[in-house]
């Protein structure tokens, strides 16, 4: 009998397929809205962009909190297994799609408004790349917790819980104030 690692997953369960599908769907939906609404699309795209950012930030703020509690759950316990499900679902169903949507729509908004030559926009992109790196770090942590291989302490996750907030503060100030 084949072991679990040898069993092929359906393509719909492949993370690369899901990411490509989410990206393609977001781009197609954005193009559709732009074509249908024309000049009126900007505010609709901006609204969805802000909604995606809120969802993305919710995931980035909640995941490390789950990690803190998960650290205290005995490996293999029902509580630990529940945290694994919560972390996986939060990442796959909310945080990942929200990040893709925020990036796609944010790049379109920046292009549409002509901000790619602005210094504040370059600084914002650096901070958003940092936020994306934190997202990647948390994604790796979800895999480690799922395999019962977490080596980080609750204190580490308490500190990491503050990083998205600090990046968000910088991003919001750059977008609103446009200091340079």
C-alpha atoms as a PDB file:
ATOM      1  CA  UNK A   1       0.000   0.000   0.000  1.00  0.00           C
ATOM      2  CA  UNK A   2       1.313   3.455  -0.909  1.00  0.00           C
ATOM      3  CA  UNK A   3       2.326   5.808   1.829  1.00  0.00           C
ATOM      4  CA  UNK A   4       0.674   9.198   2.200  1.00  0.00           C
ATOM      5  CA  UNK A   5       3.688  10.931   0.607  1.00  0.00           C
ATOM      6  CA  UNK A   6       3.404   8.760  -2.521  1.00  0.00           C
ATOM      7  CA  UNK A   7      -0.247   9.576  -3.187  1.00  0.00           C
ATOM      8  CA  UNK A   8      -0.677  12.302  -5.805  1.00  0.00           C
ATOM      9  CA  UNK A   9      -2.986  15.134  -4.878  1.00  0.00           C
ATOM     10  CA  UNK A  10      -5.588  16.362  -7.345  1.00  0.00           C
ATOM     11  CA  UNK A  11      -4.380  19.436  -9.211  1.00  0.00           C
ATOM     12  CA  UNK A  12      -6.949  21.601  -7.368  1.00  0.00           C
ATOM     13  CA  UNK A  13      -5.115  20.872  -4.107  1.00  0.00           C
ATOM     14  CA  UNK A  14      -1.697  21.811  -5.485  1.00  0.00           C
ATOM     15  CA  UNK A  15      -0.597  25.118  -3.905  1.00  0.00           C
ATOM     16  CA  UNK A  16       1.009  26.305  -7.141  1.00  0.00           C
ATOM     17  CA  UNK A  17      -2.194  25.657  -9.076  1.00  0.00           C
ATOM     18  CA  UNK A  18      -4.291  27.444  -6.463  1.00  0.00           C
ATOM     19  CA  UNK A  19      -1.951  30.443  -6.443  1.00  0.00           C
ATOM     20  CA  UNK A  20      -1.902  30.649 -10.244  1.00  0.00           C
ATOM     21  CA  UNK A  21      -5.680  30.310 -10.388  1.00  0.00           C
ATOM     22  CA  UNK A  22      -6.187  33.040  -7.770  1.00  0.00           C
ATOM     23  CA  UNK A  23      -3.809  35.355  -9.607  1.00  0.00           C
ATOM     24  CA  UNK A  24      -5.433  34.678 -12.997  1.00  0.00           C
ATOM     25  CA  UNK A  25      -8.930  35.158 -11.568  1.00  0.00           C
ATOM     26  CA  UNK A  26      -7.942  38.426  -9.879  1.00  0.00           C
ATOM     27  CA  UNK A  27      -6.342  39.792 -13.032  1.00  0.00           C
ATOM     28  CA  UNK A  28      -9.329  38.718 -15.161  1.00  0.00           C
ATOM     29  CA  UNK A  29     -11.820  40.263 -12.727  1.00  0.00           C
ATOM     30  CA  UNK A  30      -9.793  43.489 -12.605  1.00  0.00           C
ATOM     31  CA  UNK A  31      -9.613  43.701 -16.400  1.00  0.00           C
ATOM     32  CA  UNK A  32     -13.357  43.050 -16.613  1.00  0.00           C
ATOM     33  CA  UNK A  33     -14.172  45.805 -14.106  1.00  0.00           C
ATOM     34  CA  UNK A  34     -11.843  48.233 -15.866  1.00  0.00           C
ATOM     35  CA  UNK A  35     -13.356  47.464 -19.278  1.00  0.00           C
ATOM     36  CA  UNK A  36     -16.936  47.698 -18.037  1.00  0.00           C
ATOM     37  CA  UNK A  37     -16.538  50.778 -15.840  1.00  0.00           C
ATOM     38  CA  UNK A  38     -13.814  52.612 -17.746  1.00  0.00           C
ATOM     39  CA  UNK A  39     -12.711  55.705 -15.836  1.00  0.00           C
ATOM     40  CA  UNK A  40     -15.136  54.853 -13.027  1.00  0.00           C
ATOM     41  CA  UNK A  41     -13.181  51.676 -12.245  1.00  0.00           C
ATOM     42  CA  UNK A  42     -10.503  53.429 -10.191  1.00  0.00           C
ATOM     43  CA  UNK A  43     -12.586  53.912  -7.045  1.00  0.00           C
ATOM     44  CA  UNK A  44     -14.035  50.379  -7.269  1.00  0.00           C
ATOM     45  CA  UNK A  45     -10.581  48.859  -7.684  1.00  0.00           C
ATOM     46  CA  UNK A  46      -9.282  51.017  -4.836  1.00  0.00           C
ATOM     47  CA  UNK A  47     -12.160  49.868  -2.607  1.00  0.00           C
ATOM     48  CA  UNK A  48     -11.460  46.190  -3.259  1.00  0.00           C
ATOM     49  CA  UNK A  49      -7.738  46.867  -2.736  1.00  0.00           C
ATOM     50  CA  UNK A  50      -8.435  48.345   0.722  1.00  0.00           C
ATOM     51  CA  UNK A  51     -10.731  45.413   1.596  1.00  0.00           C
ATOM     52  CA  UNK A  52      -7.994  42.970   0.534  1.00  0.00           C
ATOM     53  CA  UNK A  53      -5.435  44.810   2.658  1.00  0.00           C
ATOM     54  CA  UNK A  54      -7.720  44.623   5.688  1.00  0.00           C
ATOM     55  CA  UNK A  55      -8.169  40.865   5.181  1.00  0.00           C
ATOM     56  CA  UNK A  56      -4.430  40.386   4.591  1.00  0.00           C
ATOM     57  CA  UNK A  57      -3.539  42.313   7.735  1.00  0.00           C
ATOM     58  CA  UNK A  58      -6.139  40.400   9.759  1.00  0.00           C
ATOM     59  CA  UNK A  59      -4.437  37.162   8.740  1.00  0.00           C
ATOM     60  CA  UNK A  60      -0.941  38.490   9.441  1.00  0.00           C
ATOM     61  CA  UNK A  61      -2.002  39.698  12.875  1.00  0.00           C
ATOM     62  CA  UNK A  62      -3.946  36.574  13.839  1.00  0.00           C
ATOM     63  CA  UNK A  63      -1.505  33.889  12.650  1.00  0.00           C
ATOM     64  CA  UNK A  64       1.247  34.683  15.162  1.00  0.00           C
ATOM     65  CA  UNK A  65      -1.374  34.830  17.924  1.00  0.00           C
ATOM     66  CA  UNK A  66      -2.429  31.303  16.951  1.00  0.00           C
ATOM     67  CA  UNK A  67       1.245  30.281  16.955  1.00  0.00           C
ATOM     68  CA  UNK A  68       1.633  31.568  20.526  1.00  0.00           C
ATOM     69  CA  UNK A  69      -1.246  29.377  21.705  1.00  0.00           C
ATOM     70  CA  UNK A  70      -0.120  26.465  19.544  1.00  0.00           C
ATOM     71  CA  UNK A  71       3.313  26.495  21.215  1.00  0.00           C
ATOM     72  CA  UNK A  72       1.606  25.668  24.519  1.00  0.00           C
ATOM     73  CA  UNK A  73      -0.476  22.800  23.098  1.00  0.00           C
ATOM     74  CA  UNK A  74       1.059  19.330  23.512  1.00  0.00           C
ATOM     75  CA  UNK A  75       2.124  17.831  20.169  1.00  0.00           C
ATOM     76  CA  UNK A  76      -0.469  15.392  18.848  1.00  0.00           C
ATOM     77  CA  UNK A  77      -3.185  16.653  21.195  1.00  0.00           C
ATOM     78  CA  UNK A  78      -6.665  17.528  19.992  1.00  0.00           C
ATOM     79  CA  UNK A  79      -5.895  21.161  20.757  1.00  0.00           C
ATOM     80  CA  UNK A  80      -2.745  21.061  18.612  1.00  0.00           C
ATOM     81  CA  UNK A  81      -4.644  19.448  15.734  1.00  0.00           C
ATOM     82  CA  UNK A  82      -7.338  22.138  15.990  1.00  0.00           C
ATOM     83  CA  UNK A  83      -4.687  24.879  15.791  1.00  0.00           C
ATOM     84  CA  UNK A  84      -3.235  23.203  12.688  1.00  0.00           C
ATOM     85  CA  UNK A  85      -6.615  23.350  10.956  1.00  0.00           C
ATOM     86  CA  UNK A  86      -7.187  26.964  12.021  1.00  0.00           C
ATOM     87  CA  UNK A  87      -3.727  28.060  10.845  1.00  0.00           C
ATOM     88  CA  UNK A  88      -4.000  26.256   7.504  1.00  0.00           C
ATOM     89  CA  UNK A  89      -7.478  27.602   6.764  1.00  0.00           C
ATOM     90  CA  UNK A  90      -6.607  31.155   7.778  1.00  0.00           C
ATOM     91  CA  UNK A  91      -3.547  31.100   5.546  1.00  0.00           C
ATOM     92  CA  UNK A  92      -5.081  29.378   2.512  1.00  0.00           C
ATOM     93  CA  UNK A  93      -8.598  30.796   2.531  1.00  0.00           C
ATOM     94  CA  UNK A  94      -8.055  34.355   3.715  1.00  0.00           C
ATOM     95  CA  UNK A  95      -4.453  35.516   3.965  1.00  0.00           C
ATOM     96  CA  UNK A  96      -3.010  34.156   0.701  1.00  0.00           C
ATOM     97  CA  UNK A  97      -5.873  35.273  -1.575  1.00  0.00           C
ATOM     98  CA  UNK A  98      -5.990  38.668   0.140  1.00  0.00           C
ATOM     99  CA  UNK A  99      -2.275  39.180  -0.472  1.00  0.00           C
ATOM    100  CA  UNK A 100      -2.610  38.305  -4.168  1.00  0.00           C
ATOM    101  CA  UNK A 101      -5.562  40.642  -4.609  1.00  0.00           C
ATOM    102  CA  UNK A 102      -3.821  43.453  -2.701  1.00  0.00           C
ATOM    103  CA  UNK A 103      -0.702  43.126  -4.874  1.00  0.00           C
ATOM    104  CA  UNK A 104      -2.482  42.903  -8.225  1.00  0.00           C
ATOM    105  CA  UNK A 105      -4.857  45.768  -7.549  1.00  0.00           C
ATOM    106  CA  UNK A 106      -2.200  47.852  -5.799  1.00  0.00           C
ATOM    107  CA  UNK A 107       0.142  47.610  -8.780  1.00  0.00           C
ATOM    108  CA  UNK A 108      -2.682  48.601 -11.121  1.00  0.00           C
ATOM    109  CA  UNK A 109      -3.595  51.549  -8.891  1.00  0.00           C
ATOM    110  CA  UNK A 110       0.040  52.683  -8.810  1.00  0.00           C
ATOM    111  CA  UNK A 111       0.347  52.395 -12.583  1.00  0.00           C
ATOM    112  CA  UNK A 112      -2.988  54.117 -13.197  1.00  0.00           C
ATOM    113  CA  UNK A 113      -2.111  57.038 -10.929  1.00  0.00           C
ATOM    114  CA  UNK A 114       1.437  57.360 -12.291  1.00  0.00           C
ATOM    115  CA  UNK A 115       3.102  56.759  -8.926  1.00  0.00           C
ATOM    116  CA  UNK A 116       5.909  54.484 -10.103  1.00  0.00           C
ATOM    117  CA  UNK A 117       8.235  57.472 -10.420  1.00  0.00           C
ATOM    118  CA  UNK A 118       7.436  58.803  -6.916  1.00  0.00           C
ATOM    119  CA  UNK A 119       9.907  58.330  -4.064  1.00  0.00           C
ATOM    120  CA  UNK A 120       7.220  57.672  -1.454  1.00  0.00           C
ATOM    121  CA  UNK A 121       5.806  54.903  -3.678  1.00  0.00           C
ATOM    122  CA  UNK A 122       9.235  53.246  -3.945  1.00  0.00           C
ATOM    123  CA  UNK A 123       9.533  53.335  -0.146  1.00  0.00           C
ATOM    124  CA  UNK A 124       6.004  51.931   0.173  1.00  0.00           C
ATOM    125  CA  UNK A 125       6.859  49.087  -2.216  1.00  0.00           C
ATOM    126  CA  UNK A 126       9.893  48.218  -0.071  1.00  0.00           C
ATOM    127  CA  UNK A 127       7.669  48.036   3.028  1.00  0.00           C
ATOM    128  CA  UNK A 128       5.042  45.977   1.158  1.00  0.00           C
ATOM    129  CA  UNK A 129       7.819  43.612   0.048  1.00  0.00           C
ATOM    130  CA  UNK A 130       8.762  43.376   3.735  1.00  0.00           C
ATOM    131  CA  UNK A 131       5.139  42.586   4.586  1.00  0.00           C
ATOM    132  CA  UNK A 132       5.179  39.899   1.895  1.00  0.00           C
ATOM    133  CA  UNK A 133       8.381  38.461   3.376  1.00  0.00           C
ATOM    134  CA  UNK A 134       6.696  38.280   6.790  1.00  0.00           C
ATOM    135  CA  UNK A 135       3.769  36.532   5.084  1.00  0.00           C
ATOM    136  CA  UNK A 136       6.212  34.003   3.614  1.00  0.00           C
ATOM    137  CA  UNK A 137       7.838  33.496   7.005  1.00  0.00           C
ATOM    138  CA  UNK A 138       4.435  32.818   8.569  1.00  0.00           C
ATOM    139  CA  UNK A 139       3.582  30.416   5.719  1.00  0.00           C
ATOM    140  CA  UNK A 140       6.715  28.409   6.489  1.00  0.00           C
ATOM    141  CA  UNK A 141       5.763  28.444  10.183  1.00  0.00           C
ATOM    142  CA  UNK A 142       2.313  27.027   9.353  1.00  0.00           C
ATOM    143  CA  UNK A 143       4.046  24.116   7.584  1.00  0.00           C
ATOM    144  CA  UNK A 144       6.407  23.603  10.536  1.00  0.00           C
ATOM    145  CA  UNK A 145       3.539  23.569  13.031  1.00  0.00           C
ATOM    146  CA  UNK A 146       1.593  21.163  10.769  1.00  0.00           C
ATOM    147  CA  UNK A 147       4.565  18.768  10.914  1.00  0.00           C
ATOM    148  CA  UNK A 148       5.049  19.313  14.675  1.00  0.00           C
ATOM    149  CA  UNK A 149       8.452  20.851  13.897  1.00  0.00           C
ATOM    150  CA  UNK A 150       8.103  24.306  15.434  1.00  0.00           C
ATOM    151  CA  UNK A 151      11.315  25.381  17.136  1.00  0.00           C
ATOM    152  CA  UNK A 152      10.256  28.934  18.047  1.00  0.00           C
ATOM    153  CA  UNK A 153       9.116  30.054  21.486  1.00  0.00           C
ATOM    154  CA  UNK A 154       5.893  31.910  22.310  1.00  0.00           C
ATOM    155  CA  UNK A 155       8.075  34.980  22.992  1.00  0.00           C
ATOM    156  CA  UNK A 156       9.388  34.855  19.415  1.00  0.00           C
ATOM    157  CA  UNK A 157       5.835  34.827  18.063  1.00  0.00           C
ATOM    158  CA  UNK A 158       4.825  37.697  20.373  1.00  0.00           C
ATOM    159  CA  UNK A 159       7.628  39.766  18.879  1.00  0.00           C
ATOM    160  CA  UNK A 160       6.776  38.679  15.330  1.00  0.00           C
ATOM    161  CA  UNK A 161       3.168  39.668  15.991  1.00  0.00           C
ATOM    162  CA  UNK A 162       4.313  43.311  16.082  1.00  0.00           C
ATOM    163  CA  UNK A 163       6.242  43.306  12.790  1.00  0.00           C
ATOM    164  CA  UNK A 164       3.183  43.509  10.469  1.00  0.00           C
ATOM    165  CA  UNK A 165       1.819  46.366  12.585  1.00  0.00           C
ATOM    166  CA  UNK A 166       5.039  48.368  12.300  1.00  0.00           C
ATOM    167  CA  UNK A 167       5.189  47.805   8.540  1.00  0.00           C
ATOM    168  CA  UNK A 168       1.521  48.764   8.192  1.00  0.00           C
ATOM    169  CA  UNK A 169       2.098  52.030  10.091  1.00  0.00           C
ATOM    170  CA  UNK A 170       4.916  52.936   7.724  1.00  0.00           C
ATOM    171  CA  UNK A 171       2.856  52.035   4.660  1.00  0.00           C
ATOM    172  CA  UNK A 172      -0.174  54.054   5.769  1.00  0.00           C
ATOM    173  CA  UNK A 173       1.950  57.119   6.556  1.00  0.00           C
ATOM    174  CA  UNK A 174       3.637  56.915   3.148  1.00  0.00           C
ATOM    175  CA  UNK A 175       0.333  56.562   1.303  1.00  0.00           C
ATOM    176  CA  UNK A 176      -1.505  59.325   3.169  1.00  0.00           C
ATOM    177  CA  UNK A 177       1.269  61.864   3.758  1.00  0.00           C
ATOM    178  CA  UNK A 178       3.411  61.147   0.650  1.00  0.00           C
ATOM    179  CA  UNK A 179       6.390  62.791   2.392  1.00  0.00           C
ATOM    180  CA  UNK A 180       8.730  62.703  -0.613  1.00  0.00           C
END
